[in-house]
Amino acid sequence: VFVEKAIKLEPKLIEKQVKPINIVSINKSGKVE
């Protein structure tokens, strides 16, 4: 009964398209340029 209630409450996920904003280099210390 409880699991069935939970299933009915499952959300429809919101989707958004995201694209990269830059081409970068990352050095060994983790610095982004």
Full PDB file with SEQRES, HELIX, SHEET, SSBOND, CRYST1, ORIGX, SCALE, CONECT and MASTER records, all heavy atoms in Angstrom:
SEQRES   1 A   33  VAL PHE VAL GLU LYS ALA ILE LYS LEU GLU PRO LYS LEU          
SEQRES   2 A   33  ILE GLU LYS GLN VAL LYS PRO ILE ASN ILE VAL SER ILE          
SEQRES   3 A   33  ASN LYS SER GLY LYS VAL GLU                                  
HELIX    1 AA1 PHE A    2  LYS A    8  1                                   7    
CRYST1    1.000    1.000    1.000  90.00  90.00  90.00 P 1           1          
ORIGX1      1.000000  0.000000  0.000000        0.00000                         
ORIGX2      0.000000  1.000000  0.000000        0.00000                         
ORIGX3      0.000000  0.000000  1.000000        0.00000                         
SCALE1      1.000000  0.000000  0.000000        0.00000                         
SCALE2      0.000000  1.000000  0.000000        0.00000                         
SCALE3      0.000000  0.000000  1.000000        0.00000                         
ATOM      1  N   VAL A   1       0.843  -1.207   0.000  1.00  0.00           N  
ATOM      2  CA  VAL A   1       0.000   0.000   0.000  1.00  0.00           C  
ATOM      3  C   VAL A   1       0.870   1.245   0.000  1.00  0.00           C  
ATOM      4  O   VAL A   1       0.647   2.196  -0.766  1.00  0.00           O  
ATOM      5  CB  VAL A   1      -0.946  -0.001   1.217  1.00  0.00           C  
ATOM      6  CG1 VAL A   1      -1.696   1.329   1.308  1.00  0.00           C  
ATOM      7  CG2 VAL A   1      -1.933  -1.157   1.123  1.00  0.00           C  
ATOM      8  N   PHE A   2       1.883   1.259   0.868  1.00  0.00           N  
ATOM      9  CA  PHE A   2       2.766   2.417   0.945  1.00  0.00           C  
ATOM     10  C   PHE A   2       3.592   2.580  -0.339  1.00  0.00           C  
ATOM     11  O   PHE A   2       3.778   3.686  -0.837  1.00  0.00           O  
ATOM     12  CB  PHE A   2       3.694   2.299   2.152  1.00  0.00           C  
ATOM     13  CG  PHE A   2       3.024   2.568   3.473  1.00  0.00           C  
ATOM     14  CD1 PHE A   2       3.698   2.300   4.659  1.00  0.00           C  
ATOM     15  CD2 PHE A   2       1.748   3.087   3.544  1.00  0.00           C  
ATOM     16  CE1 PHE A   2       3.099   2.554   5.889  1.00  0.00           C  
ATOM     17  CE2 PHE A   2       1.126   3.340   4.767  1.00  0.00           C  
ATOM     18  CZ  PHE A   2       1.815   3.076   5.941  1.00  0.00           C  
ATOM     19  N   VAL A   3       4.094   1.478  -0.856  1.00  0.00           N  
ATOM     20  CA  VAL A   3       4.903   1.562  -2.076  1.00  0.00           C  
ATOM     21  C   VAL A   3       4.055   2.048  -3.244  1.00  0.00           C  
ATOM     22  O   VAL A   3       4.518   2.850  -4.074  1.00  0.00           O  
ATOM     23  CB  VAL A   3       5.559   0.203  -2.386  1.00  0.00           C  
ATOM     24  CG1 VAL A   3       6.240   0.242  -3.743  1.00  0.00           C  
ATOM     25  CG2 VAL A   3       6.566  -0.167  -1.302  1.00  0.00           C  
ATOM     26  N   GLU A   4       2.819   1.605  -3.318  1.00  0.00           N  
ATOM     27  CA  GLU A   4       1.923   2.050  -4.382  1.00  0.00           C  
ATOM     28  C   GLU A   4       1.667   3.559  -4.283  1.00  0.00           C  
ATOM     29  O   GLU A   4       1.632   4.267  -5.299  1.00  0.00           O  
ATOM     30  CB  GLU A   4       0.600   1.294  -4.313  1.00  0.00           C  
ATOM     31  CG  GLU A   4      -0.352   1.581  -5.463  1.00  0.00           C  
ATOM     32  CD  GLU A   4       0.222   1.207  -6.828  1.00  0.00           C  
ATOM     33  OE1 GLU A   4       0.979   0.220  -6.917  1.00  0.00           O  
ATOM     34  OE2 GLU A   4      -0.093   1.927  -7.804  1.00  0.00           O  
ATOM     35  N   LYS A   5       1.517   4.058  -3.069  1.00  0.00           N  
ATOM     36  CA  LYS A   5       1.356   5.507  -2.885  1.00  0.00           C  
ATOM     37  C   LYS A   5       2.599   6.248  -3.382  1.00  0.00           C  
ATOM     38  O   LYS A   5       2.506   7.306  -4.017  1.00  0.00           O  
ATOM     39  CB  LYS A   5       1.096   5.836  -1.410  1.00  0.00           C  
ATOM     40  CG  LYS A   5      -0.291   5.483  -0.912  1.00  0.00           C  
ATOM     41  CD  LYS A   5      -0.429   5.806   0.570  1.00  0.00           C  
ATOM     42  CE  LYS A   5      -1.824   5.466   1.093  1.00  0.00           C  
ATOM     43  NZ  LYS A   5      -2.843   6.437   0.642  1.00  0.00           N  
ATOM     44  N   ALA A   6       3.763   5.692  -3.072  1.00  0.00           N  
ATOM     45  CA  ALA A   6       5.017   6.320  -3.503  1.00  0.00           C  
ATOM     46  C   ALA A   6       5.139   6.327  -5.023  1.00  0.00           C  
ATOM     47  O   ALA A   6       5.594   7.319  -5.618  1.00  0.00           O  
ATOM     48  CB  ALA A   6       6.201   5.592  -2.877  1.00  0.00           C  
ATOM     49  N   ILE A   7       4.753   5.235  -5.656  1.00  0.00           N  
ATOM     50  CA  ILE A   7       4.829   5.148  -7.117  1.00  0.00           C  
ATOM     51  C   ILE A   7       3.958   6.227  -7.760  1.00  0.00           C  
ATOM     52  O   ILE A   7       4.358   6.869  -8.740  1.00  0.00           O  
ATOM     53  CB  ILE A   7       4.411   3.745  -7.591  1.00  0.00           C  
ATOM     54  CG1 ILE A   7       5.479   2.714  -7.184  1.00  0.00           C  
ATOM     55  CG2 ILE A   7       4.181   3.719  -9.094  1.00  0.00           C  
ATOM     56  CD1 ILE A   7       5.076   1.281  -7.421  1.00  0.00           C  
ATOM     57  N   LYS A   8       2.782   6.457  -7.213  1.00  0.00           N  
ATOM     58  CA  LYS A   8       1.884   7.468  -7.764  1.00  0.00           C  
ATOM     59  C   LYS A   8       2.438   8.882  -7.599  1.00  0.00           C  
ATOM     60  O   LYS A   8       2.029   9.802  -8.324  1.00  0.00           O  
ATOM     61  CB  LYS A   8       0.506   7.362  -7.101  1.00  0.00           C  
ATOM     62  CG  LYS A   8      -0.258   6.106  -7.487  1.00  0.00           C  
ATOM     63  CD  LYS A   8      -1.599   6.016  -6.775  1.00  0.00           C  
ATOM     64  CE  LYS A   8      -2.357   4.760  -7.192  1.00  0.00           C  
ATOM     65  NZ  LYS A   8      -3.654   4.626  -6.470  1.00  0.00           N  
ATOM     66  N   LEU A   9       3.352   9.055  -6.671  1.00  0.00           N  
ATOM     67  CA  LEU A   9       3.932  10.374  -6.411  1.00  0.00           C  
ATOM     68  C   LEU A   9       5.230  10.610  -7.191  1.00  0.00           C  
ATOM     69  O   LEU A   9       5.867  11.647  -7.025  1.00  0.00           O  
ATOM     70  CB  LEU A   9       4.205  10.544  -4.905  1.00  0.00           C  
ATOM     71  CG  LEU A   9       2.971  10.661  -4.015  1.00  0.00           C  
ATOM     72  CD1 LEU A   9       3.357  10.495  -2.548  1.00  0.00           C  
ATOM     73  CD2 LEU A   9       2.289  12.015  -4.230  1.00  0.00           C  
ATOM     74  N   GLU A  10       5.617   9.660  -8.035  1.00  0.00           N  
ATOM     75  CA  GLU A  10       6.861   9.841  -8.784  1.00  0.00           C  
ATOM     76  C   GLU A  10       6.744  11.054  -9.703  1.00  0.00           C  
ATOM     77  O   GLU A  10       5.784  11.180 -10.470  1.00  0.00           O  
ATOM     78  CB  GLU A  10       7.184   8.603  -9.614  1.00  0.00           C  
ATOM     79  CG  GLU A  10       8.493   8.727 -10.373  1.00  0.00           C  
ATOM     80  CD  GLU A  10       8.937   7.441 -11.041  1.00  0.00           C  
ATOM     81  OE1 GLU A  10       8.245   6.414 -10.878  1.00  0.00           O  
ATOM     82  OE2 GLU A  10       9.972   7.464 -11.729  1.00  0.00           O  
ATOM     83  N   PRO A  11       7.714  11.958  -9.667  1.00  0.00           N  
ATOM     84  CA  PRO A  11       7.593  13.194 -10.453  1.00  0.00           C  
ATOM     85  C   PRO A  11       7.951  12.992 -11.919  1.00  0.00           C  
ATOM     86  O   PRO A  11       8.713  12.084 -12.273  1.00  0.00           O  
ATOM     87  CB  PRO A  11       8.617  14.116  -9.781  1.00  0.00           C  
ATOM     88  CG  PRO A  11       9.674  13.184  -9.274  1.00  0.00           C  
ATOM     89  CD  PRO A  11       8.929  11.945  -8.831  1.00  0.00           C  
ATOM     90  N   LYS A  12       7.420  13.841 -12.760  1.00  0.00           N  
ATOM     91  CA  LYS A  12       7.869  13.925 -14.152  1.00  0.00           C  
ATOM     92  C   LYS A  12       9.022  14.925 -14.158  1.00  0.00           C  
ATOM     93  O   LYS A  12       8.849  16.097 -13.813  1.00  0.00           O  
ATOM     94  CB  LYS A  12       6.741  14.393 -15.060  1.00  0.00           C  
ATOM     95  CG  LYS A  12       7.166  14.543 -16.525  1.00  0.00           C  
ATOM     96  CD  LYS A  12       5.992  14.907 -17.410  1.00  0.00           C  
ATOM     97  CE  LYS A  12       6.415  15.234 -18.838  1.00  0.00           C  
ATOM     98  NZ  LYS A  12       7.276  14.230 -19.452  1.00  0.00           N  
ATOM     99  N   LEU A  13      10.190  14.465 -14.528  1.00  0.00           N  
ATOM    100  CA  LEU A  13      11.370  15.306 -14.436  1.00  0.00           C  
ATOM    101  C   LEU A  13      11.325  16.437 -15.451  1.00  0.00           C  
ATOM    102  O   LEU A  13      10.862  16.266 -16.585  1.00  0.00           O  
ATOM    103  CB  LEU A  13      12.638  14.481 -14.628  1.00  0.00           C  
ATOM    104  CG  LEU A  13      12.902  13.395 -13.575  1.00  0.00           C  
ATOM    105  CD1 LEU A  13      14.238  12.709 -13.854  1.00  0.00           C  
ATOM    106  CD2 LEU A  13      12.874  13.961 -12.161  1.00  0.00           C  
ATOM    107  N   ILE A  14      11.808  17.588 -15.036  1.00  0.00           N  
ATOM    108  CA  ILE A  14      11.936  18.754 -15.911  1.00  0.00           C  
ATOM    109  C   ILE A  14      13.231  18.612 -16.715  1.00  0.00           C  
ATOM    110  O   ILE A  14      14.290  18.313 -16.152  1.00  0.00           O  
ATOM    111  CB  ILE A  14      11.967  20.051 -15.077  1.00  0.00           C  
ATOM    112  CG1 ILE A  14      10.648  20.203 -14.304  1.00  0.00           C  
ATOM    113  CG2 ILE A  14      12.225  21.266 -15.966  1.00  0.00           C  
ATOM    114  CD1 ILE A  14      10.698  21.276 -13.234  1.00  0.00           C  
ATOM    115  N   GLU A  15      13.150  18.794 -18.021  1.00  0.00           N  
ATOM    116  CA  GLU A  15      14.315  18.655 -18.884  1.00  0.00           C  
ATOM    117  C   GLU A  15      14.684  20.003 -19.498  1.00  0.00           C  
ATOM    118  O   GLU A  15      13.811  20.764 -19.910  1.00  0.00           O  
ATOM    119  CB  GLU A  15      14.036  17.648 -20.002  1.00  0.00           C  
ATOM    120  CG  GLU A  15      13.734  16.246 -19.495  1.00  0.00           C  
ATOM    121  CD  GLU A  15      13.564  15.247 -20.630  1.00  0.00           C  
ATOM    122  OE1 GLU A  15      13.697  15.676 -21.810  1.00  0.00           O  
ATOM    123  OE2 GLU A  15      13.296  14.074 -20.362  1.00  0.00           O  
ATOM    124  N   LYS A  16      15.992  20.264 -19.550  1.00  0.00           N  
ATOM    125  CA  LYS A  16      16.492  21.481 -20.174  1.00  0.00           C  
ATOM    126  C   LYS A  16      17.727  21.141 -20.996  1.00  0.00           C  
ATOM    127  O   LYS A  16      18.583  20.378 -20.545  1.00  0.00           O  
ATOM    128  CB  LYS A  16      16.841  22.537 -19.126  1.00  0.00           C  
ATOM    129  CG  LYS A  16      15.633  23.068 -18.363  1.00  0.00           C  
ATOM    130  CD  LYS A  16      15.987  24.262 -17.492  1.00  0.00           C  
ATOM    131  CE  LYS A  16      14.741  24.831 -16.831  1.00  0.00           C  
ATOM    132  NZ  LYS A  16      15.051  26.038 -16.022  1.00  0.00           N  
ATOM    133  N   GLN A  17      17.813  21.711 -22.168  1.00  0.00           N  
ATOM    134  CA  GLN A  17      18.994  21.496 -23.007  1.00  0.00           C  
ATOM    135  C   GLN A  17      20.093  22.466 -22.605  1.00  0.00           C  
ATOM    136  O   GLN A  17      19.872  23.678 -22.534  1.00  0.00           O  
ATOM    137  CB  GLN A  17      18.654  21.687 -24.487  1.00  0.00           C  
ATOM    138  CG  GLN A  17      18.025  20.477 -25.125  1.00  0.00           C  
ATOM    139  CD  GLN A  17      18.271  20.415 -26.631  1.00  0.00           C  
ATOM    140  OE1 GLN A  17      18.735  21.364 -27.244  1.00  0.00           O  
ATOM    141  NE2 GLN A  17      17.959  19.270 -27.214  1.00  0.00           N  
ATOM    142  N   VAL A  18      21.275  21.922 -22.347  1.00  0.00           N  
ATOM    143  CA  VAL A  18      22.420  22.733 -21.948  1.00  0.00           C  
ATOM    144  C   VAL A  18      23.586  22.395 -22.870  1.00  0.00           C  
ATOM    145  O   VAL A  18      23.860  21.215 -23.129  1.00  0.00           O  
ATOM    146  CB  VAL A  18      22.815  22.458 -20.477  1.00  0.00           C  
ATOM    147  CG1 VAL A  18      23.983  23.350 -20.070  1.00  0.00           C  
ATOM    148  CG2 VAL A  18      21.625  22.665 -19.549  1.00  0.00           C  
ATOM    149  N   LYS A  19      24.273  23.430 -23.340  1.00  0.00           N  
ATOM    150  CA  LYS A  19      25.420  23.229 -24.217  1.00  0.00           C  
ATOM    151  C   LYS A  19      26.681  23.796 -23.570  1.00  0.00           C  
ATOM    152  O   LYS A  19      26.595  24.679 -22.715  1.00  0.00           O  
ATOM    153  CB  LYS A  19      25.176  23.901 -25.576  1.00  0.00           C  
ATOM    154  CG  LYS A  19      24.012  23.289 -26.354  1.00  0.00           C  
ATOM    155  CD  LYS A  19      23.876  23.916 -27.734  1.00  0.00           C  
ATOM    156  CE  LYS A  19      22.750  23.249 -28.527  1.00  0.00           C  
ATOM    157  NZ  LYS A  19      22.635  23.800 -29.908  1.00  0.00           N  
ATOM    158  N   PRO A  20      27.840  23.308 -23.973  1.00  0.00           N  
ATOM    159  CA  PRO A  20      29.082  23.843 -23.411  1.00  0.00           C  
ATOM    160  C   PRO A  20      29.255  25.309 -23.770  1.00  0.00           C  
ATOM    161  O   PRO A  20      28.781  25.773 -24.810  1.00  0.00           O  
ATOM    162  CB  PRO A  20      30.166  22.967 -24.044  1.00  0.00           C  
ATOM    163  CG  PRO A  20      29.548  22.401 -25.282  1.00  0.00           C  
ATOM    164  CD  PRO A  20      28.099  22.250 -24.973  1.00  0.00           C  
ATOM    165  N   ILE A  21      29.974  26.029 -22.901  1.00  0.00           N  
ATOM    166  CA  ILE A  21      30.156  27.463 -23.125  1.00  0.00           C  
ATOM    167  C   ILE A  21      31.588  27.809 -23.529  1.00  0.00           C  
ATOM    168  O   ILE A  21      31.841  28.908 -24.015  1.00  0.00           O  
ATOM    169  CB  ILE A  21      29.775  28.286 -21.873  1.00  0.00           C  
ATOM    170  CG1 ILE A  21      30.694  27.929 -20.692  1.00  0.00           C  
ATOM    171  CG2 ILE A  21      28.316  28.075 -21.510  1.00  0.00           C  
ATOM    172  CD1 ILE A  21      30.567  28.879 -19.518  1.00  0.00           C  
ATOM    173  N   ASN A  22      32.532  26.880 -23.312  1.00  0.00           N  
ATOM    174  CA  ASN A  22      33.927  27.168 -23.601  1.00  0.00           C  
ATOM    175  C   ASN A  22      34.699  25.902 -23.907  1.00  0.00           C  
ATOM    176  O   ASN A  22      34.312  24.797 -23.478  1.00  0.00           O  
ATOM    177  CB  ASN A  22      34.599  27.866 -22.416  1.00  0.00           C  
ATOM    178  CG  ASN A  22      34.599  29.381 -22.545  1.00  0.00           C  
ATOM    179  OD1 ASN A  22      34.825  29.898 -23.638  1.00  0.00           O  
ATOM    180  ND2 ASN A  22      34.337  30.063 -21.448  1.00  0.00           N  
ATOM    181  N   ILE A  23      35.797  26.070 -24.626  1.00  0.00           N  
ATOM    182  CA  ILE A  23      36.804  25.018 -24.778  1.00  0.00           C  
ATOM    183  C   ILE A  23      37.969  25.428 -23.875  1.00  0.00           C  
ATOM    184  O   ILE A  23      38.446  26.571 -23.956  1.00  0.00           O  
ATOM    185  CB  ILE A  23      37.268  24.882 -26.229  1.00  0.00           C  
ATOM    186  CG1 ILE A  23      36.064  24.586 -27.131  1.00  0.00           C  
ATOM    187  CG2 ILE A  23      38.315  23.780 -26.366  1.00  0.00           C  
ATOM    188  CD1 ILE A  23      36.375  24.708 -28.615  1.00  0.00           C  
ATOM    189  N   VAL A  24      38.402  24.528 -22.988  1.00  0.00           N  
ATOM    190  CA  VAL A  24      39.381  24.904 -21.970  1.00  0.00           C  
ATOM    191  C   VAL A  24      40.534  23.912 -21.937  1.00  0.00           C  
ATOM    192  O   VAL A  24      40.481  22.826 -22.533  1.00  0.00           O  
ATOM    193  CB  VAL A  24      38.724  24.979 -20.573  1.00  0.00           C  
ATOM    194  CG1 VAL A  24      37.635  26.038 -20.546  1.00  0.00           C  
ATOM    195  CG2 VAL A  24      38.157  23.615 -20.148  1.00  0.00           C  
ATOM    196  N   SER A  25      41.572  24.297 -21.202  1.00  0.00           N  
ATOM    197  CA  SER A  25      42.678  23.407 -20.869  1.00  0.00           C  
ATOM    198  C   SER A  25      42.721  23.262 -19.352  1.00  0.00           C  
ATOM    199  O   SER A  25      42.438  24.213 -18.620  1.00  0.00           O  
ATOM    200  CB  SER A  25      44.008  23.975 -21.376  1.00  0.00           C  
ATOM    201  OG  SER A  25      44.020  24.086 -22.777  1.00  0.00           O  
ATOM    202  N   ILE A  26      43.063  22.067 -18.883  1.00  0.00           N  
ATOM    203  CA  ILE A  26      43.187  21.814 -17.449  1.00  0.00           C  
ATOM    204  C   ILE A  26      44.568  21.230 -17.205  1.00  0.00           C  
ATOM    205  O   ILE A  26      44.917  20.190 -17.776  1.00  0.00           O  
ATOM    206  CB  ILE A  26      42.092  20.844 -16.949  1.00  0.00           C  
ATOM    207  CG1 ILE A  26      40.700  21.410 -17.258  1.00  0.00           C  
ATOM    208  CG2 ILE A  26      42.243  20.591 -15.453  1.00  0.00           C  
ATOM    209  CD1 ILE A  26      39.560  20.461 -16.917  1.00  0.00           C  
ATOM    210  N   ASN A  27      45.354  21.908 -16.360  1.00  0.00           N  
ATOM    211  CA  ASN A  27      46.701  21.389 -16.101  1.00  0.00           C  
ATOM    212  C   ASN A  27      46.666  20.362 -14.971  1.00  0.00           C  
ATOM    213  O   ASN A  27      45.617  20.107 -14.364  1.00  0.00           O  
ATOM    214  CB  ASN A  27      47.687  22.519 -15.806  1.00  0.00           C  
ATOM    215  CG  ASN A  27      47.347  23.298 -14.539  1.00  0.00           C  
ATOM    216  OD1 ASN A  27      46.683  22.780 -13.626  1.00  0.00           O  
ATOM    217  ND2 ASN A  27      47.812  24.535 -14.468  1.00  0.00           N  
ATOM    218  N   LYS A  28      47.819  19.797 -14.655  1.00  0.00           N  
ATOM    219  CA  LYS A  28      47.895  18.706 -13.678  1.00  0.00           C  
ATOM    220  C   LYS A  28      47.427  19.120 -12.288  1.00  0.00           C  
ATOM    221  O   LYS A  28      46.945  18.299 -11.510  1.00  0.00           O  
ATOM    222  CB  LYS A  28      49.326  18.172 -13.605  1.00  0.00           C  
ATOM    223  CG  LYS A  28      49.756  17.349 -14.823  1.00  0.00           C  
ATOM    224  CD  LYS A  28      48.964  16.054 -14.905  1.00  0.00           C  
ATOM    225  CE  LYS A  28      49.439  15.178 -16.054  1.00  0.00           C  
ATOM    226  NZ  LYS A  28      48.635  13.935 -16.165  1.00  0.00           N  
ATOM    227  N   SER A  29      47.578  20.383 -11.956  1.00  0.00           N  
ATOM    228  CA  SER A  29      47.138  20.855 -10.640  1.00  0.00           C  
ATOM    229  C   SER A  29      45.652  21.156 -10.597  1.00  0.00           C  
ATOM    230  O   SER A  29      45.112  21.516  -9.554  1.00  0.00           O  
ATOM    231  CB  SER A  29      47.927  22.111 -10.249  1.00  0.00           C  
ATOM    232  OG  SER A  29      47.627  23.185 -11.137  1.00  0.00           O  
ATOM    233  N   GLY A  30      44.963  21.008 -11.741  1.00  0.00           N  
ATOM    234  CA  GLY A  30      43.525  21.235 -11.793  1.00  0.00           C  
ATOM    235  C   GLY A  30      43.131  22.651 -12.165  1.00  0.00           C  
ATOM    236  O   GLY A  30      41.954  22.997 -12.133  1.00  0.00           O  
ATOM    237  N   LYS A  31      44.101  23.482 -12.550  1.00  0.00           N  
ATOM    238  CA  LYS A  31      43.781  24.854 -12.940  1.00  0.00           C  
ATOM    239  C   LYS A  31      43.164  24.861 -14.339  1.00  0.00           C  
ATOM    240  O   LYS A  31      43.673  24.231 -15.264  1.00  0.00           O  
ATOM    241  CB  LYS A  31      45.031  25.722 -12.917  1.00  0.00           C  
ATOM    242  CG  LYS A  31      44.752  27.190 -13.223  1.00  0.00           C  
ATOM    243  CD  LYS A  31      46.017  28.034 -13.152  1.00  0.00           C  
ATOM    244  CE  LYS A  31      45.714  29.492 -13.474  1.00  0.00           C  
ATOM    245  NZ  LYS A  31      46.950  30.325 -13.430  1.00  0.00           N  
ATOM    246  N   VAL A  32      42.067  25.604 -14.477  1.00  0.00           N  
ATOM    247  CA  VAL A  32      41.346  25.691 -15.745  1.00  0.00           C  
ATOM    248  C   VAL A  32      41.710  26.994 -16.445  1.00  0.00           C  
ATOM    249  O   VAL A  32      41.643  28.077 -15.847  1.00  0.00           O  
ATOM    250  CB  VAL A  32      39.824  25.625 -15.524  1.00  0.00           C  
ATOM    251  CG1 VAL A  32      39.079  25.709 -16.855  1.00  0.00           C  
ATOM    252  CG2 VAL A  32      39.452  24.346 -14.782  1.00  0.00           C  
ATOM    253  N   GLU A  33      42.084  26.893 -17.706  1.00  0.00           N  
ATOM    254  CA  GLU A  33      42.411  28.078 -18.496  1.00  0.00           C  
ATOM    255  C   GLU A  33      41.659  28.023 -19.822  1.00  0.00           C  
ATOM    256  O   GLU A  33      41.488  26.938 -20.397  1.00  0.00           O  
ATOM    257  CB  GLU A  33      43.917  28.153 -18.760  1.00  0.00           C  
ATOM    258  CG  GLU A  33      44.732  28.343 -17.485  1.00  0.00           C  
ATOM    259  CD  GLU A  33      46.217  28.422 -17.762  1.00  0.00           C  
ATOM    260  OE1 GLU A  33      46.629  28.004 -18.875  1.00  0.00           O  
ATOM    261  OE2 GLU A  33      46.965  28.876 -16.882  1.00  0.00           O  
TER     262      GLU A  33                                                      
MASTER        0    0    0    1    0    0    0    6  261    1    0    3          
END                                                                             
